[in-house]
Amino acid sequence: MIHYSKLIRQGQGLANALLKRAANVTLDWDVRQKSRFETTDSNGRSVGVFLQRGQVVRGGDVLVGEDGSLLKVLAAPQPVLRITHCPDHGSLFDLTRAAYHLGNRHVPIELQADHLKIEPDHVLADMLRDMHMTVLAVNESFEPENGAYGEHASHAGHGHDHGHSHNHGHDHGPTHAEPHAHVHGPGCDHDHSH
């Protein structure tokens, strides 16, 4: 088993030629949020990851092994709930309100400009539908926020962001989820003919 204990955020500073030759691992959020885990890489080798406690691995990060080998981390698609505002009866501000209520419940949330993602939870899905949000079950990568006091994956390694625009490995491409009928929760008195 090869041990990996060093993390390079988004492979920063590494030559593309090195990254192209590196093996990879595809991991869901449940594994990537652990600082110690075992897995198998794309070359079939057993891998042991031993990071500092509380350190999480993001899609696009690179691990460095005790033998100097590099290991690219890919965020695996997994079941998540994709939350958007109702374009007919709401506004993008509704996402802020939904994020507030989810945050009060200490739910891991991925925040994007036009949607939120959370892990599947039928109680929270019903709450969001009652708030007139559109909730779709999809299979996509999940990169939740670390929280105000969590480790921050900023480019300079310090604990805050200066508003620079960077792609941190998030997939902003089109989703392959099949659209479902627009559904609101019980008691919704809007006319939904779409």
Protein backbone atom coordinates (compact mmCIF):
# COMPACT_ATOMS: atom_id res chain seq x y z
CA MET A 1 0.00 0.00 0.00
CA ILE A 2 1.27 3.46 -0.93
CA HIS A 3 0.70 6.16 1.69
CA TYR A 4 -0.30 9.70 0.72
CA SER A 5 -0.02 12.43 3.34
CA LYS A 6 0.53 15.63 1.34
CA LEU A 7 -2.22 17.53 -0.47
CA ILE A 8 -1.70 20.06 -3.28
CA ARG A 9 -4.88 22.10 -3.78
CA GLN A 10 -6.05 21.83 -7.38
CA GLY A 11 -2.57 20.60 -8.39
CA GLN A 12 -1.32 24.17 -8.11
CA GLY A 13 2.21 24.59 -9.43
CA LEU A 14 2.42 21.14 -11.00
CA ALA A 15 3.24 20.73 -14.69
CA ASN A 16 0.41 19.46 -16.89
CA ALA A 17 2.67 16.68 -18.18
CA LEU A 18 3.02 15.34 -14.63
CA LEU A 19 -0.71 15.52 -13.99
CA LYS A 20 -1.51 13.69 -17.24
CA ARG A 21 0.70 10.75 -16.19
CA ALA A 22 -0.68 10.61 -12.63
CA ALA A 23 -3.08 7.89 -11.54
CA ASN A 24 -6.45 9.03 -10.22
CA VAL A 25 -9.12 8.10 -7.70
CA THR A 26 -12.81 8.92 -8.03
CA LEU A 27 -14.35 9.50 -4.61
CA ASP A 28 -17.72 10.69 -3.32
CA TRP A 29 -18.09 13.37 -0.66
CA ASP A 30 -18.50 10.86 2.15
CA VAL A 31 -14.94 9.61 1.56
CA ARG A 32 -13.36 12.95 0.58
CA GLN A 33 -14.41 14.60 3.85
CA LYS A 34 -12.37 12.06 5.85
CA SER A 35 -8.72 12.77 6.60
CA ARG A 36 -7.87 9.05 6.70
CA PHE A 37 -9.14 6.45 4.26
CA GLU A 38 -8.09 3.59 2.00
CA THR A 39 -9.00 3.17 -1.65
CA THR A 40 -7.73 1.77 -4.94
CA ASP A 41 -6.32 4.03 -7.67
CA SER A 42 -6.90 3.83 -11.43
CA ASN A 43 -3.79 1.60 -11.76
CA GLY A 44 -5.22 -0.94 -9.29
CA ARG A 45 -2.82 -0.02 -6.47
CA SER A 46 -3.93 0.08 -2.82
CA VAL A 47 -3.76 3.61 -1.50
CA GLY A 48 -3.79 4.85 2.08
CA VAL A 49 -4.51 8.55 2.64
CA PHE A 50 -3.36 10.07 5.93
CA LEU A 51 -3.96 13.83 6.03
CA GLN A 52 -4.06 16.27 8.93
CA ARG A 53 -7.24 15.92 10.98
CA GLY A 54 -10.06 18.03 9.57
CA GLN A 55 -8.47 18.35 6.12
CA VAL A 56 -10.86 17.50 3.29
CA VAL A 57 -10.07 16.51 -0.27
CA ARG A 58 -11.78 18.33 -3.15
CA GLY A 59 -12.24 17.25 -6.73
CA GLY A 60 -9.18 18.50 -8.64
CA ASP A 61 -6.81 18.19 -5.67
CA VAL A 62 -3.60 16.17 -6.02
CA LEU A 63 -2.14 13.88 -3.36
CA VAL A 64 1.60 13.22 -3.09
CA GLY A 65 2.71 9.75 -2.03
CA GLU A 66 5.61 8.71 0.16
CA ASP A 67 7.26 7.43 -3.03
CA GLY A 68 6.80 10.81 -4.76
CA SER A 69 3.93 9.60 -6.96
CA LEU A 70 1.01 11.90 -7.71
CA LEU A 71 -2.64 10.95 -7.38
CA LYS A 72 -5.38 13.12 -8.91
CA VAL A 73 -8.68 13.22 -7.03
CA LEU A 74 -11.91 13.29 -9.01
CA ALA A 75 -15.27 14.07 -7.40
CA ALA A 76 -17.59 11.14 -8.09
CA PRO A 77 -21.16 11.80 -9.19
CA GLN A 78 -23.50 10.86 -6.37
CA PRO A 79 -27.17 11.24 -5.50
CA VAL A 80 -27.90 14.85 -4.49
CA LEU A 81 -30.86 17.21 -4.43
CA ARG A 82 -30.48 20.15 -6.82
CA ILE A 83 -32.45 23.15 -5.56
CA THR A 84 -33.51 26.07 -7.75
CA HIS A 85 -35.99 28.89 -7.37
CA CYS A 86 -39.35 28.80 -9.11
CA PRO A 87 -38.94 31.11 -12.12
CA ASP A 88 -42.69 31.75 -12.26
CA HIS A 89 -43.33 32.58 -8.60
CA GLY A 90 -40.01 33.54 -7.06
CA SER A 91 -36.58 35.06 -7.53
CA LEU A 92 -32.94 34.12 -7.06
CA PHE A 93 -33.23 35.62 -3.55
CA ASP A 94 -35.27 32.53 -2.65
CA LEU A 95 -32.00 30.54 -2.87
CA THR A 96 -30.54 32.76 -0.15
CA ARG A 97 -33.55 32.10 2.04
CA ALA A 98 -33.29 28.34 1.39
CA ALA A 99 -29.55 28.36 2.19
CA TYR A 100 -30.30 30.20 5.45
CA HIS A 101 -32.84 27.58 6.55
CA LEU A 102 -30.58 24.68 5.55
CA GLY A 103 -27.64 26.31 7.34
CA ASN A 104 -29.72 26.56 10.52
CA ARG A 105 -30.02 22.77 10.32
CA HIS A 106 -26.23 22.40 9.83
CA VAL A 107 -26.74 20.67 6.49
CA PRO A 108 -23.71 20.46 4.18
CA ILE A 109 -24.59 22.68 1.19
CA GLU A 110 -22.93 23.30 -2.14
CA LEU A 111 -23.58 26.91 -3.09
CA GLN A 112 -23.72 27.97 -6.73
CA ALA A 113 -24.98 31.22 -8.26
CA ASP A 114 -28.16 29.63 -9.61
CA HIS A 115 -28.69 26.54 -7.45
CA LEU A 116 -27.89 24.73 -4.22
CA LYS A 117 -27.09 21.06 -3.68
CA ILE A 118 -27.60 18.93 -0.59
CA GLU A 119 -27.47 15.22 0.12
CA PRO A 120 -30.84 13.44 -0.27
CA ASP A 121 -33.23 14.01 2.62
CA HIS A 122 -36.99 13.73 2.06
CA VAL A 123 -37.85 15.91 5.09
CA LEU A 124 -35.65 18.76 3.83
CA ALA A 125 -36.95 18.25 0.27
CA ASP A 126 -40.52 18.69 1.55
CA MET A 127 -39.51 21.80 3.54
CA LEU A 128 -37.91 23.32 0.43
CA ARG A 129 -40.94 22.53 -1.73
CA ASP A 130 -43.14 24.20 0.90
CA MET A 131 -40.90 27.26 0.38
CA HIS A 132 -41.80 27.08 -3.36
CA MET A 133 -38.34 25.82 -4.37
CA THR A 134 -37.87 23.32 -7.20
CA VAL A 135 -36.11 20.20 -5.92
CA LEU A 136 -34.71 17.61 -8.34
CA ALA A 137 -32.98 14.34 -7.48
CA VAL A 138 -29.86 14.18 -9.68
CA ASN A 139 -26.54 12.36 -9.84
CA GLU A 140 -23.75 14.98 -9.75
CA SER A 141 -20.52 15.74 -7.93
CA PHE A 142 -20.95 17.32 -4.49
CA GLU A 143 -18.58 19.99 -3.13
CA PRO A 144 -20.21 21.51 -0.02
CA GLU A 145 -18.91 24.58 1.76
CA ASN A 146 -16.52 24.06 4.67
CA GLY A 147 -18.30 26.48 6.98
CA ALA A 148 -17.11 29.71 8.54
CA TYR A 149 -14.42 28.07 10.67
CA GLY A 150 -13.51 25.16 8.43
CA GLU A 151 -10.47 24.72 6.27
CA HIS A 152 -10.69 27.01 3.23
CA ALA A 153 -9.40 25.87 -0.15
CA SER A 154 -8.17 29.32 -1.15
CA HIS A 155 -5.41 29.62 -3.71
CA ALA A 156 -2.93 31.24 -1.34
CA GLY A 157 -3.53 28.96 1.63
CA HIS A 158 -4.82 31.66 3.95
CA GLY A 159 -8.24 31.52 5.53
CA HIS A 160 -10.23 33.92 3.38
CA ASP A 161 -10.94 34.84 -0.20
CA HIS A 162 -10.28 38.17 -1.85
CA GLY A 163 -12.97 37.85 -4.49
CA HIS A 164 -10.71 36.46 -7.20
CA SER A 165 -12.51 34.40 -9.79
CA HIS A 166 -11.09 30.87 -9.91
CA ASN A 167 -12.44 27.51 -11.01
CA HIS A 168 -11.93 25.18 -8.06
CA GLY A 169 -12.80 21.99 -9.89
CA HIS A 170 -16.56 22.44 -9.82
CA ASP A 171 -18.46 21.12 -12.78
CA HIS A 172 -20.64 23.95 -14.08
CA GLY A 173 -21.59 22.10 -17.25
CA PRO A 174 -25.06 20.98 -18.16
CA THR A 175 -26.61 18.34 -15.98
CA HIS A 176 -27.63 15.03 -17.45
CA ALA A 177 -30.55 14.68 -15.07
CA GLU A 178 -33.92 14.19 -16.60
CA PRO A 179 -36.16 17.15 -15.78
CA HIS A 180 -39.05 16.31 -13.52
CA ALA A 181 -42.36 18.05 -13.23
CA HIS A 182 -42.23 21.26 -11.23
CA VAL A 183 -43.51 20.32 -7.79
CA HIS A 184 -44.34 22.42 -4.76
CA GLY A 185 -45.42 21.10 -1.40
CA PRO A 186 -48.84 20.77 0.17
CA GLY A 187 -50.88 23.92 0.52
CA CYS A 188 -49.33 25.60 -2.52
CA ASP A 189 -52.00 27.87 -3.94
CA HIS A 190 -50.12 28.88 -7.10
CA ASP A 191 -51.46 27.93 -10.49
CA HIS A 192 -48.76 25.65 -11.92
CA SER A 193 -49.63 24.86 -15.49
CA HIS A 194 -46.05 24.26 -16.56
